[in-house]
Amino acid sequence: MPLHVPPAPAPALRSVLAALGSPTAVRDARTPALQSVQGPLSPELPLPVHVLSVLSPVTPASLTGTAEARTPQTRLVGWRFLIHSGDRAVAAADTMLTADGWAFSRFFEGPYITATERALRQAETLGTDFQPRLLSVPELYMLTLWLHGDTEADASTGAPEPADILVPLAPAPPGFAAHRPHRVAELLPRIGLRLAPAPLLSTTA
């Protein structure tokens, strides 16, 4: 099924196009692929980047006798564009929200670019329409492709729904298999366990 890639804010796209048109910006990016490529470069496949800010408990464990149920909360931190030369991505560009609106942040390259392309191709074979996003878990150095089931939703808002799919991108942190799709209801509890503070050891006799 085709993915419903959300449109990026126009100022974010303009800021990336302006940076691509600036020899100084490209040179200062220090990304070898971006500097050495021949021919035109184009920003494509804009993806909103959300950060998992908290997994807040919604059901006290003392009332259920089980582990706390948690609801995810996220915040939008930017839009990421894959920078294409022909039919391949050679770098990525991030934008961020400032007091004056959306602005170019940085160019970069590395394994997440290849992993993002692979995960997007993988998502197209799942047989369901999705709106693709990126979900970051900074505490675990983890980035996932977030496949949101509501293809008409505002891509800048919302939290992962239980039936949404998360695909950890390579390199994934220990204990998580890269490029294995998981339902949110399956993966977020595992992430929550990793984020939970370790219990204090009793010092009493």
N, C-alpha and C. Protein backbone atom coordinates (compact mmCIF):
# COMPACT_ATOMS: atom_id res chain seq x y z
N MET A 1 0.85 -1.18 0.00
CA MET A 1 0.00 0.00 0.00
C MET A 1 0.89 1.25 0.00
N PRO A 2 0.46 2.30 -0.66
CA PRO A 2 1.28 3.51 -0.64
C PRO A 2 1.23 4.17 0.72
N LEU A 3 2.34 4.77 1.12
CA LEU A 3 2.38 5.53 2.35
C LEU A 3 1.85 6.94 2.08
N HIS A 4 1.16 7.49 3.05
CA HIS A 4 0.62 8.84 2.93
C HIS A 4 1.59 9.80 3.61
N VAL A 5 2.62 10.21 2.88
CA VAL A 5 3.65 11.09 3.44
C VAL A 5 3.04 12.46 3.69
N PRO A 6 3.11 12.96 4.92
CA PRO A 6 2.46 14.24 5.22
C PRO A 6 3.24 15.40 4.62
N PRO A 7 2.55 16.46 4.22
CA PRO A 7 3.27 17.63 3.70
C PRO A 7 3.98 18.37 4.83
N ALA A 8 5.21 18.75 4.57
CA ALA A 8 5.97 19.52 5.56
C ALA A 8 5.53 20.98 5.54
N PRO A 9 5.71 21.71 6.63
CA PRO A 9 5.42 23.15 6.60
C PRO A 9 6.25 23.83 5.51
N ALA A 10 5.62 24.70 4.76
CA ALA A 10 6.31 25.36 3.64
C ALA A 10 7.59 26.06 4.09
N PRO A 11 7.61 26.76 5.23
CA PRO A 11 8.86 27.41 5.64
C PRO A 11 9.99 26.42 5.92
N ALA A 12 9.65 25.24 6.41
CA ALA A 12 10.68 24.23 6.65
C ALA A 12 11.31 23.79 5.33
N LEU A 13 10.46 23.52 4.33
CA LEU A 13 10.98 23.13 3.02
C LEU A 13 11.82 24.26 2.41
N ARG A 14 11.33 25.49 2.51
CA ARG A 14 12.09 26.61 1.94
C ARG A 14 13.45 26.75 2.61
N SER A 15 13.52 26.50 3.91
CA SER A 15 14.81 26.65 4.61
C SER A 15 15.81 25.60 4.14
N VAL A 16 15.33 24.39 3.84
CA VAL A 16 16.22 23.34 3.34
C VAL A 16 16.67 23.66 1.92
N LEU A 17 15.76 24.12 1.09
CA LEU A 17 16.12 24.48 -0.28
C LEU A 17 17.15 25.61 -0.28
N ALA A 18 16.97 26.57 0.63
CA ALA A 18 17.93 27.68 0.71
C ALA A 18 19.30 27.16 1.15
N ALA A 19 19.33 26.24 2.09
CA ALA A 19 20.61 25.68 2.54
C ALA A 19 21.28 24.87 1.44
N LEU A 20 20.49 24.12 0.66
CA LEU A 20 21.07 23.37 -0.46
C LEU A 20 21.63 24.30 -1.52
N GLY A 21 21.05 25.48 -1.63
CA GLY A 21 21.53 26.44 -2.62
C GLY A 21 22.68 27.29 -2.14
N SER A 22 23.11 27.06 -0.90
CA SER A 22 24.20 27.85 -0.34
C SER A 22 25.48 27.03 -0.30
N PRO A 23 26.47 27.36 -1.09
CA PRO A 23 27.74 26.60 -1.04
C PRO A 23 28.35 26.59 0.35
N THR A 24 28.17 27.68 1.08
CA THR A 24 28.73 27.75 2.43
C THR A 24 28.06 26.73 3.35
N ALA A 25 26.73 26.66 3.28
CA ALA A 25 26.01 25.72 4.14
C ALA A 25 26.39 24.28 3.82
N VAL A 26 26.50 23.96 2.55
CA VAL A 26 26.86 22.60 2.16
C VAL A 26 28.29 22.29 2.59
N ARG A 27 29.19 23.24 2.39
CA ARG A 27 30.59 23.02 2.77
C ARG A 27 30.73 22.85 4.28
N ASP A 28 30.04 23.68 5.04
CA ASP A 28 30.15 23.61 6.49
C ASP A 28 29.47 22.37 7.07
N ALA A 29 28.62 21.73 6.28
CA ALA A 29 27.94 20.53 6.77
C ALA A 29 28.91 19.39 7.01
N ARG A 30 30.03 19.38 6.26
CA ARG A 30 31.06 18.37 6.42
C ARG A 30 30.51 16.95 6.26
N THR A 31 29.60 16.78 5.33
CA THR A 31 29.13 15.45 4.97
C THR A 31 29.75 15.10 3.62
N PRO A 32 30.67 14.17 3.59
CA PRO A 32 31.39 13.86 2.34
C PRO A 32 30.48 13.57 1.17
N ALA A 33 29.42 12.81 1.39
CA ALA A 33 28.53 12.46 0.28
C ALA A 33 27.87 13.70 -0.30
N LEU A 34 27.47 14.61 0.56
CA LEU A 34 26.79 15.81 0.10
C LEU A 34 27.73 16.71 -0.70
N GLN A 35 28.98 16.75 -0.30
CA GLN A 35 29.94 17.61 -0.97
C GLN A 35 30.44 17.03 -2.28
N SER A 36 30.45 15.71 -2.37
CA SER A 36 31.05 15.08 -3.55
C SER A 36 30.06 14.73 -4.65
N VAL A 37 28.77 14.78 -4.35
CA VAL A 37 27.78 14.34 -5.32
C VAL A 37 27.74 15.30 -6.51
N GLN A 38 27.51 14.74 -7.68
CA GLN A 38 27.39 15.53 -8.89
C GLN A 38 25.91 15.63 -9.28
N GLY A 39 25.50 16.79 -9.73
CA GLY A 39 24.12 16.94 -10.17
C GLY A 39 23.24 17.56 -9.10
N PRO A 40 21.98 17.76 -9.43
CA PRO A 40 21.06 18.44 -8.51
C PRO A 40 20.71 17.59 -7.29
N LEU A 41 20.42 18.28 -6.20
CA LEU A 41 20.00 17.64 -4.97
C LEU A 41 18.58 18.10 -4.66
N SER A 42 17.75 17.19 -4.14
CA SER A 42 16.38 17.57 -3.84
C SER A 42 15.94 16.98 -2.50
N PRO A 43 15.26 17.78 -1.68
CA PRO A 43 14.72 17.27 -0.41
C PRO A 43 13.41 16.53 -0.65
N GLU A 44 13.34 15.29 -0.20
CA GLU A 44 12.16 14.47 -0.43
C GLU A 44 11.75 13.74 0.85
N LEU A 45 10.59 13.12 0.81
CA LEU A 45 10.06 12.30 1.91
C LEU A 45 10.16 13.02 3.25
N PRO A 46 9.50 14.16 3.41
CA PRO A 46 9.55 14.84 4.70
C PRO A 46 8.86 14.02 5.79
N LEU A 47 9.53 13.88 6.92
CA LEU A 47 8.98 13.11 8.02
C LEU A 47 9.02 13.94 9.30
N PRO A 48 7.89 14.08 9.99
CA PRO A 48 7.92 14.78 11.27
C PRO A 48 8.67 13.95 12.30
N VAL A 49 9.51 14.59 13.08
CA VAL A 49 10.30 13.90 14.10
C VAL A 49 9.69 14.20 15.47
N HIS A 50 9.17 13.16 16.09
CA HIS A 50 8.59 13.29 17.43
C HIS A 50 9.53 12.62 18.44
N VAL A 51 9.55 13.17 19.64
CA VAL A 51 10.33 12.59 20.73
C VAL A 51 9.37 12.01 21.76
N LEU A 52 9.64 10.80 22.18
CA LEU A 52 8.86 10.20 23.26
C LEU A 52 9.28 10.90 24.55
N SER A 53 8.43 11.79 25.03
CA SER A 53 8.83 12.63 26.16
C SER A 53 8.55 11.98 27.50
N VAL A 54 7.50 11.15 27.56
CA VAL A 54 7.19 10.50 28.84
C VAL A 54 6.23 9.35 28.57
N LEU A 55 6.36 8.32 29.39
CA LEU A 55 5.36 7.26 29.44
C LEU A 55 4.69 7.40 30.80
N SER A 56 3.59 8.13 30.84
CA SER A 56 2.98 8.46 32.12
C SER A 56 2.06 7.35 32.59
N PRO A 57 2.14 6.98 33.87
CA PRO A 57 1.26 5.93 34.38
C PRO A 57 -0.19 6.40 34.42
N VAL A 58 -1.09 5.53 34.00
CA VAL A 58 -2.51 5.87 34.03
C VAL A 58 -3.31 4.96 34.96
N THR A 59 -2.74 3.83 35.36
CA THR A 59 -3.44 2.92 36.27
C THR A 59 -2.48 2.53 37.39
N PRO A 60 -2.71 2.96 38.63
CA PRO A 60 -1.81 2.60 39.72
C PRO A 60 -1.70 1.09 39.88
N ALA A 61 -0.49 0.62 40.00
CA ALA A 61 -0.27 -0.82 40.14
C ALA A 61 -0.92 -1.34 41.41
N SER A 62 -1.02 -0.50 42.45
CA SER A 62 -1.60 -0.95 43.71
C SER A 62 -3.07 -1.31 43.56
N LEU A 63 -3.73 -0.75 42.52
CA LEU A 63 -5.14 -1.03 42.31
C LEU A 63 -5.37 -2.24 41.42
N THR A 64 -4.40 -2.57 40.63
CA THR A 64 -4.58 -3.66 39.66
C THR A 64 -3.81 -4.91 40.01
N GLY A 65 -2.78 -4.77 40.83
CA GLY A 65 -1.94 -5.92 41.14
C GLY A 65 -1.02 -6.28 40.00
N THR A 66 -0.94 -5.44 38.98
CA THR A 66 -0.08 -5.69 37.83
C THR A 66 0.79 -4.48 37.60
N ALA A 67 1.66 -4.59 36.61
CA ALA A 67 2.50 -3.45 36.26
C ALA A 67 1.62 -2.30 35.80
N GLU A 68 2.10 -1.08 36.02
CA GLU A 68 1.33 0.10 35.65
C GLU A 68 1.09 0.16 34.14
N ALA A 69 -0.14 0.46 33.77
CA ALA A 69 -0.43 0.77 32.37
C ALA A 69 0.07 2.18 32.09
N ARG A 70 0.61 2.39 30.93
CA ARG A 70 1.20 3.70 30.65
C ARG A 70 0.70 4.21 29.31
N THR A 71 0.56 5.52 29.23
CA THR A 71 0.13 6.13 27.99
C THR A 71 1.26 6.99 27.45
N PRO A 72 1.57 6.90 26.17
CA PRO A 72 2.71 7.65 25.63
C PRO A 72 2.36 9.12 25.40
N GLN A 73 3.33 9.97 25.63
CA GLN A 73 3.21 11.38 25.29
C GLN A 73 4.42 11.75 24.43
N THR A 74 4.16 12.48 23.37
CA THR A 74 5.24 12.86 22.46
C THR A 74 5.19 14.35 22.19
N ARG A 75 6.29 14.86 21.66
CA ARG A 75 6.34 16.26 21.22
C ARG A 75 7.10 16.34 19.91
N LEU A 76 6.63 17.20 19.04
CA LEU A 76 7.27 17.42 17.75
C LEU A 76 8.53 18.26 17.95
N VAL A 77 9.66 17.80 17.41
CA VAL A 77 10.90 18.55 17.55
C VAL A 77 11.47 19.01 16.20
N GLY A 78 10.91 18.53 15.10
CA GLY A 78 11.44 18.96 13.82
C GLY A 78 10.85 18.17 12.66
N TRP A 79 11.31 18.53 11.47
CA TRP A 79 10.98 17.79 10.25
C TRP A 79 12.30 17.37 9.61
N ARG A 80 12.34 16.14 9.14
CA ARG A 80 13.55 15.60 8.50
C ARG A 80 13.24 15.31 7.03
N PHE A 81 14.14 15.75 6.17
CA PHE A 81 14.02 15.51 4.73
C PHE A 81 15.19 14.61 4.30
N LEU A 82 14.90 13.63 3.47
CA LEU A 82 15.97 12.85 2.85
C LEU A 82 16.43 13.61 1.61
N ILE A 83 17.73 13.86 1.52
CA ILE A 83 18.29 14.61 0.39
C ILE A 83 18.69 13.61 -0.69
N HIS A 84 18.00 13.70 -1.81
CA HIS A 84 18.20 12.74 -2.90
C HIS A 84 19.07 13.32 -4.00
N SER A 85 19.91 12.46 -4.51
CA SER A 85 20.62 12.70 -5.75
C SER A 85 20.16 11.61 -6.71
N GLY A 86 19.33 11.99 -7.66
CA GLY A 86 18.70 10.97 -8.50
C GLY A 86 17.73 10.15 -7.69
N ASP A 87 17.91 8.83 -7.70
CA ASP A 87 16.97 7.95 -7.00
C ASP A 87 17.51 7.44 -5.67
N ARG A 88 18.57 8.03 -5.16
CA ARG A 88 19.12 7.56 -3.88
C ARG A 88 19.33 8.72 -2.91
N ALA A 89 19.17 8.41 -1.64
CA ALA A 89 19.38 9.40 -0.59
C ALA A 89 20.86 9.43 -0.23
N VAL A 90 21.44 10.62 -0.23
CA VAL A 90 22.86 10.75 0.08
C VAL A 90 23.08 11.45 1.42
N ALA A 91 22.05 12.07 1.96
CA ALA A 91 22.16 12.78 3.23
C ALA A 91 20.75 13.07 3.72
N ALA A 92 20.67 13.73 4.84
CA ALA A 92 19.38 14.17 5.37
C ALA A 92 19.53 15.59 5.88
N ALA A 93 18.42 16.28 5.96
CA ALA A 93 18.40 17.65 6.48
C ALA A 93 17.34 17.74 7.57
N ASP A 94 17.72 18.31 8.69
CA ASP A 94 16.79 18.53 9.79
C ASP A 94 16.41 20.00 9.87
N THR A 95 15.17 20.25 10.23
CA THR A 95 14.72 21.61 10.51
C THR A 95 14.18 21.64 11.93
N MET A 96 14.15 22.83 12.50
CA MET A 96 13.66 22.97 13.87
C MET A 96 12.78 24.21 13.97
N LEU A 97 11.93 24.20 14.98
CA LEU A 97 11.02 25.31 15.20
C LEU A 97 11.69 26.33 16.10
N THR A 98 11.79 27.56 15.62
CA THR A 98 12.39 28.65 16.39
C THR A 98 11.32 29.69 16.68
N ALA A 99 11.73 30.75 17.39
CA ALA A 99 10.80 31.83 17.69
C ALA A 99 10.29 32.50 16.42
N ASP A 100 11.08 32.40 15.35
CA ASP A 100 10.69 33.02 14.08
C ASP A 100 10.06 32.03 13.11
N GLY A 101 9.80 30.82 13.55
CA GLY A 101 9.21 29.82 12.68
C GLY A 101 10.19 28.71 12.36
N TRP A 102 9.88 27.90 11.34
CA TRP A 102 10.72 26.77 10.97
C TRP A 102 12.00 27.25 10.31
N ALA A 103 13.13 26.64 10.73
CA ALA A 103 14.44 27.04 10.21
C ALA A 103 15.29 25.79 9.98
N PHE A 104 16.19 25.90 9.01
CA PHE A 104 17.15 24.82 8.75
C PHE A 104 18.03 24.62 9.98
N SER A 105 18.30 23.35 10.30
CA SER A 105 19.13 23.03 11.45
C SER A 105 20.49 22.44 11.05
N ARG A 106 20.48 21.34 10.26
CA ARG A 106 21.75 20.69 9.92
C ARG A 106 21.56 19.72 8.78
N PHE A 107 22.66 19.45 8.08
CA PHE A 107 22.77 18.31 7.18
C PHE A 107 23.55 17.22 7.91
N PHE A 108 23.26 15.97 7.60
CA PHE A 108 24.04 14.88 8.18
C PHE A 108 23.88 13.65 7.31
N GLU A 109 24.76 12.68 7.54
CA GLU A 109 24.64 11.38 6.89
C GLU A 109 24.97 10.31 7.91
N GLY A 110 24.81 9.07 7.52
CA GLY A 110 25.07 7.99 8.46
C GLY A 110 24.07 6.86 8.28
N PRO A 111 24.14 5.87 9.17
CA PRO A 111 23.33 4.65 8.98
C PRO A 111 21.83 4.87 9.06
N TYR A 112 21.38 5.90 9.79
CA TYR A 112 19.94 6.10 9.90
C TYR A 112 19.30 6.46 8.56
N ILE A 113 20.06 7.02 7.64
CA ILE A 113 19.48 7.39 6.35
C ILE A 113 19.14 6.12 5.56
N THR A 114 20.09 5.22 5.46
CA THR A 114 19.83 3.95 4.79
C THR A 114 18.74 3.17 5.51
N ALA A 115 18.77 3.19 6.83
CA ALA A 115 17.78 2.45 7.60
C ALA A 115 16.38 3.04 7.40
N THR A 116 16.28 4.35 7.30
CA THR A 116 14.98 4.98 7.08
C THR A 116 14.41 4.57 5.73
N GLU A 117 15.25 4.62 4.70
CA GLU A 117 14.78 4.20 3.37
C GLU A 117 14.33 2.74 3.39
N ARG A 118 15.11 1.89 4.04
CA ARG A 118 14.75 0.47 4.10
C ARG A 118 13.42 0.29 4.82
N ALA A 119 13.22 0.99 5.94
CA ALA A 119 11.99 0.84 6.70
C ALA A 119 10.79 1.36 5.92
N LEU A 120 10.97 2.43 5.16
CA LEU A 120 9.87 2.94 4.34
C LEU A 120 9.48 1.94 3.26
N ARG A 121 10.47 1.33 2.63
CA ARG A 121 10.17 0.29 1.63
C ARG A 121 9.46 -0.89 2.29
N GLN A 122 9.91 -1.24 3.47
CA GLN A 122 9.31 -2.34 4.22
C GLN A 122 7.85 -2.02 4.54
N ALA A 123 7.58 -0.78 4.92
CA ALA A 123 6.22 -0.37 5.29
C ALA A 123 5.27 -0.47 4.11
N GLU A 124 5.77 -0.23 2.91
CA GLU A 124 4.91 -0.28 1.73
C GLU A 124 4.43 -1.69 1.43
N THR A 125 5.05 -2.70 2.04
CA THR A 125 4.66 -4.09 1.78
C THR A 125 3.71 -4.63 2.85
N LEU A 126 3.34 -3.82 3.84
CA LEU A 126 2.55 -4.32 4.95
C LEU A 126 1.07 -4.48 4.64
N GLY A 127 0.62 -3.89 3.53
CA GLY A 127 -0.76 -4.08 3.13
C GLY A 127 -1.76 -3.17 3.80
N THR A 128 -1.29 -2.13 4.49
CA THR A 128 -2.17 -1.19 5.18
C THR A 128 -1.68 0.23 4.90
N ASP A 129 -2.62 1.16 4.78
CA ASP A 129 -2.24 2.56 4.60
C ASP A 129 -1.77 3.13 5.93
N PHE A 130 -0.65 3.85 5.88
CA PHE A 130 -0.10 4.48 7.08
C PHE A 130 0.39 5.88 6.75
N GLN A 131 0.46 6.70 7.80
CA GLN A 131 1.15 7.99 7.70
C GLN A 131 2.50 7.82 8.40
N PRO A 132 3.62 7.94 7.66
CA PRO A 132 4.92 7.70 8.28
C PRO A 132 5.40 8.91 9.08
N ARG A 133 5.97 8.62 10.22
CA ARG A 133 6.61 9.62 11.08
C ARG A 133 7.87 9.00 11.66
N LEU A 134 8.66 9.79 12.36
CA LEU A 134 9.80 9.27 13.10
C LEU A 134 9.55 9.50 14.58
N LEU A 135 9.86 8.50 15.39
CA LEU A 135 9.73 8.61 16.84
C LEU A 135 11.08 8.30 17.47
N SER A 136 11.60 9.25 18.22
CA SER A 136 12.91 9.12 18.85
C SER A 136 12.75 8.87 20.35
N VAL A 137 13.60 7.99 20.87
CA VAL A 137 13.69 7.75 22.31
C VAL A 137 15.12 8.08 22.71
N PRO A 138 15.40 9.35 23.03
CA PRO A 138 16.79 9.78 23.25
C PRO A 138 17.50 9.00 24.35
N GLU A 139 16.78 8.64 25.41
CA GLU A 139 17.43 7.95 26.53
C GLU A 139 18.00 6.60 26.13
N LEU A 140 17.45 6.00 25.08
CA LEU A 140 17.94 4.70 24.62
C LEU A 140 18.75 4.82 23.33
N TYR A 141 18.97 6.06 22.86
CA TYR A 141 19.62 6.27 21.56
C TYR A 141 18.90 5.45 20.49
N MET A 142 17.59 5.59 20.47
CA MET A 142 16.74 4.76 19.63
C MET A 142 15.89 5.63 18.71
N LEU A 143 15.85 5.27 17.44
CA LEU A 143 14.99 5.95 16.47
C LEU A 143 14.13 4.90 15.78
N THR A 144 12.83 5.19 15.67
CA THR A 144 11.92 4.25 15.03
C THR A 144 11.14 4.95 13.94
N LEU A 145 10.75 4.18 12.93
CA LEU A 145 9.76 4.64 11.98
C LEU A 145 8.40 4.37 12.60
N TRP A 146 7.63 5.42 12.78
CA TRP A 146 6.31 5.32 13.40
C TRP A 146 5.26 5.36 12.29
N LEU A 147 4.53 4.28 12.14
CA LEU A 147 3.50 4.16 11.12
C LEU A 147 2.15 4.40 11.78
N HIS A 148 1.62 5.58 11.56
CA HIS A 148 0.38 6.01 12.21
C HIS A 148 -0.81 5.61 11.35
N GLY A 149 -1.82 5.02 11.99
CA GLY A 149 -2.95 4.49 11.24
C GLY A 149 -3.89 5.53 10.68
N ASP A 150 -3.93 6.72 11.28
CA ASP A 150 -4.82 7.79 10.80
C ASP A 150 -4.07 8.60 9.75
N THR A 151 -4.29 8.29 8.49
CA THR A 151 -3.52 8.92 7.42
C THR A 151 -3.90 10.37 7.20
N GLU A 152 -5.03 10.81 7.75
CA GLU A 152 -5.47 12.20 7.58
C GLU A 152 -5.14 13.06 8.79
N ALA A 153 -4.46 12.50 9.77
CA ALA A 153 -4.18 13.23 11.01
C ALA A 153 -3.16 14.34 10.77
N ASP A 154 -3.21 15.34 11.62
CA ASP A 154 -2.19 16.39 11.63
C ASP A 154 -0.89 15.75 12.09
N ALA A 155 0.10 15.72 11.21
CA ALA A 155 1.34 15.00 11.49
C ALA A 155 2.17 15.64 12.59
N SER A 156 1.83 16.85 12.98
CA SER A 156 2.61 17.53 14.02
C SER A 156 2.09 17.24 15.42
N THR A 157 0.98 16.53 15.53
CA THR A 157 0.38 16.28 16.84
C THR A 157 0.05 14.80 16.99
N GLY A 158 -0.40 14.47 18.18
CA GLY A 158 -0.86 13.11 18.41
C GLY A 158 0.18 12.23 19.07
N ALA A 159 -0.27 11.12 19.59
CA ALA A 159 0.59 10.15 20.25
C ALA A 159 0.39 8.79 19.59
N PRO A 160 1.34 7.88 19.75
CA PRO A 160 1.18 6.56 19.16
C PRO A 160 -0.06 5.84 19.69
N GLU A 161 -0.85 5.30 18.78
CA GLU A 161 -2.02 4.51 19.13
C GLU A 161 -1.61 3.05 19.28
N PRO A 162 -2.34 2.29 20.11
CA PRO A 162 -1.95 0.89 20.33
C PRO A 162 -1.78 0.08 19.06
N ALA A 163 -2.60 0.37 18.02
CA ALA A 163 -2.53 -0.41 16.78
C ALA A 163 -1.51 0.14 15.79
N ASP A 164 -0.92 1.31 16.07
CA ASP A 164 0.13 1.83 15.21
C ASP A 164 1.32 0.87 15.24
N ILE A 165 2.21 1.04 14.27
CA ILE A 165 3.38 0.17 14.17
C ILE A 165 4.65 1.00 14.34
N LEU A 166 5.59 0.45 15.10
CA LEU A 166 6.91 1.05 15.26
C LEU A 166 7.95 0.08 14.69
N VAL A 167 8.86 0.63 13.89
CA VAL A 167 9.94 -0.18 13.30
C VAL A 167 11.26 0.40 13.78
N PRO A 168 11.95 -0.26 14.72
CA PRO A 168 13.26 0.25 15.17
C PRO A 168 14.24 0.30 14.00
N LEU A 169 14.93 1.43 13.88
CA LEU A 169 15.90 1.59 12.81
C LEU A 169 17.28 1.15 13.28
N ALA A 170 18.07 0.66 12.34
CA ALA A 170 19.44 0.25 12.65
C ALA A 170 20.36 1.48 12.65
N PRO A 171 21.25 1.56 13.63
CA PRO A 171 21.49 0.59 14.70
C PRO A 171 20.50 0.74 15.84
N ALA A 172 19.90 -0.37 16.24
CA ALA A 172 18.96 -0.37 17.35
C ALA A 172 19.70 -0.68 18.65
N PRO A 173 19.19 -0.20 19.78
CA PRO A 173 19.86 -0.48 21.05
C PRO A 173 19.77 -1.96 21.39
N PRO A 174 20.63 -2.44 22.27
CA PRO A 174 20.59 -3.86 22.66
C PRO A 174 19.21 -4.25 23.17
N GLY A 175 18.76 -5.42 22.76
CA GLY A 175 17.46 -5.92 23.19
C GLY A 175 16.33 -5.61 22.24
N PHE A 176 16.60 -4.83 21.20
CA PHE A 176 15.58 -4.49 20.21
C PHE A 176 16.09 -4.87 18.83
N ALA A 177 15.29 -5.62 18.09
CA ALA A 177 15.69 -6.07 16.76
C ALA A 177 15.39 -4.97 15.74
N ALA A 178 16.42 -4.55 15.03
CA ALA A 178 16.23 -3.53 13.99
C ALA A 178 15.37 -4.07 12.86
N HIS A 179 14.49 -3.22 12.35
CA HIS A 179 13.65 -3.50 11.19
C HIS A 179 12.63 -4.61 11.42
N ARG A 180 12.34 -4.87 12.68
CA ARG A 180 11.25 -5.79 12.99
C ARG A 180 10.04 -4.96 13.40
N PRO A 181 8.94 -4.99 12.64
CA PRO A 181 7.76 -4.19 12.99
C PRO A 181 7.10 -4.70 14.27
N HIS A 182 6.68 -3.76 15.10
CA HIS A 182 5.97 -4.09 16.34
C HIS A 182 4.74 -3.20 16.45
N ARG A 183 3.66 -3.75 16.96
CA ARG A 183 2.55 -2.91 17.36
C ARG A 183 2.99 -2.05 18.55
N VAL A 184 2.47 -0.84 18.60
CA VAL A 184 2.79 0.06 19.72
C VAL A 184 2.47 -0.62 21.05
N ALA A 185 1.33 -1.31 21.11
CA ALA A 185 0.92 -1.96 22.35
C ALA A 185 1.93 -3.02 22.80
N GLU A 186 2.74 -3.53 21.86
CA GLU A 186 3.75 -4.53 22.19
C GLU A 186 5.08 -3.89 22.55
N LEU A 187 5.50 -2.89 21.78
CA LEU A 187 6.85 -2.35 21.94
C LEU A 187 6.96 -1.32 23.05
N LEU A 188 5.97 -0.45 23.20
CA LEU A 188 6.10 0.61 24.20
C LEU A 188 6.26 0.08 25.63
N PRO A 189 5.55 -0.97 26.02
CA PRO A 189 5.82 -1.49 27.37
C PRO A 189 7.27 -1.92 27.55
N ARG A 190 7.88 -2.49 26.53
CA ARG A 190 9.29 -2.88 26.63
C ARG A 190 10.17 -1.66 26.76
N ILE A 191 9.85 -0.61 25.99
CA ILE A 191 10.61 0.63 26.12
C ILE A 191 10.42 1.22 27.52
N GLY A 192 9.19 1.16 28.02
CA GLY A 192 8.92 1.69 29.35
C GLY A 192 9.73 0.99 30.43
N LEU A 193 9.88 -0.33 30.30
CA LEU A 193 10.69 -1.07 31.27
C LEU A 193 12.14 -0.62 31.24
N ARG A 194 12.64 -0.34 30.05
CA ARG A 194 14.03 0.11 29.93
C ARG A 194 14.22 1.52 30.48
N LEU A 195 13.16 2.33 30.40
CA LEU A 195 13.26 3.71 30.88
C LEU A 195 12.98 3.83 32.37
N ALA A 196 12.36 2.82 32.95
CA ALA A 196 11.99 2.90 34.37
C ALA A 196 13.25 2.92 35.23
N PRO A 197 13.26 3.77 36.27
CA PRO A 197 14.43 3.80 37.15
C PRO A 197 14.59 2.48 37.89
N ALA A 198 15.84 2.12 38.13
CA ALA A 198 16.10 0.87 38.85
C ALA A 198 15.61 0.98 40.29
N PRO A 199 15.03 -0.09 40.84
CA PRO A 199 14.54 -0.03 42.23
C PRO A 199 15.70 0.14 43.20
N LEU A 200 15.46 0.88 44.26
CA LEU A 200 16.46 1.09 45.29
C LEU A 200 16.63 -0.18 46.12
N LEU A 201 17.87 -0.52 46.43
CA LEU A 201 18.12 -1.69 47.25
C LEU A 201 17.94 -1.33 48.71
N SER A 202 17.30 -2.18 49.44
CA SER A 202 17.08 -1.92 50.85
C SER A 202 18.38 -2.05 51.61
N THR A 203 18.62 -1.14 52.53
CA THR A 203 19.84 -1.18 53.35
C THR A 203 19.53 -1.67 54.74
N THR A 204 18.27 -2.04 55.01
CA THR A 204 17.92 -2.53 56.34
C THR A 204 18.20 -4.01 56.45
N ALA A 205 18.39 -4.45 57.69
CA ALA A 205 18.71 -5.86 57.94
C ALA A 205 17.48 -6.73 57.72
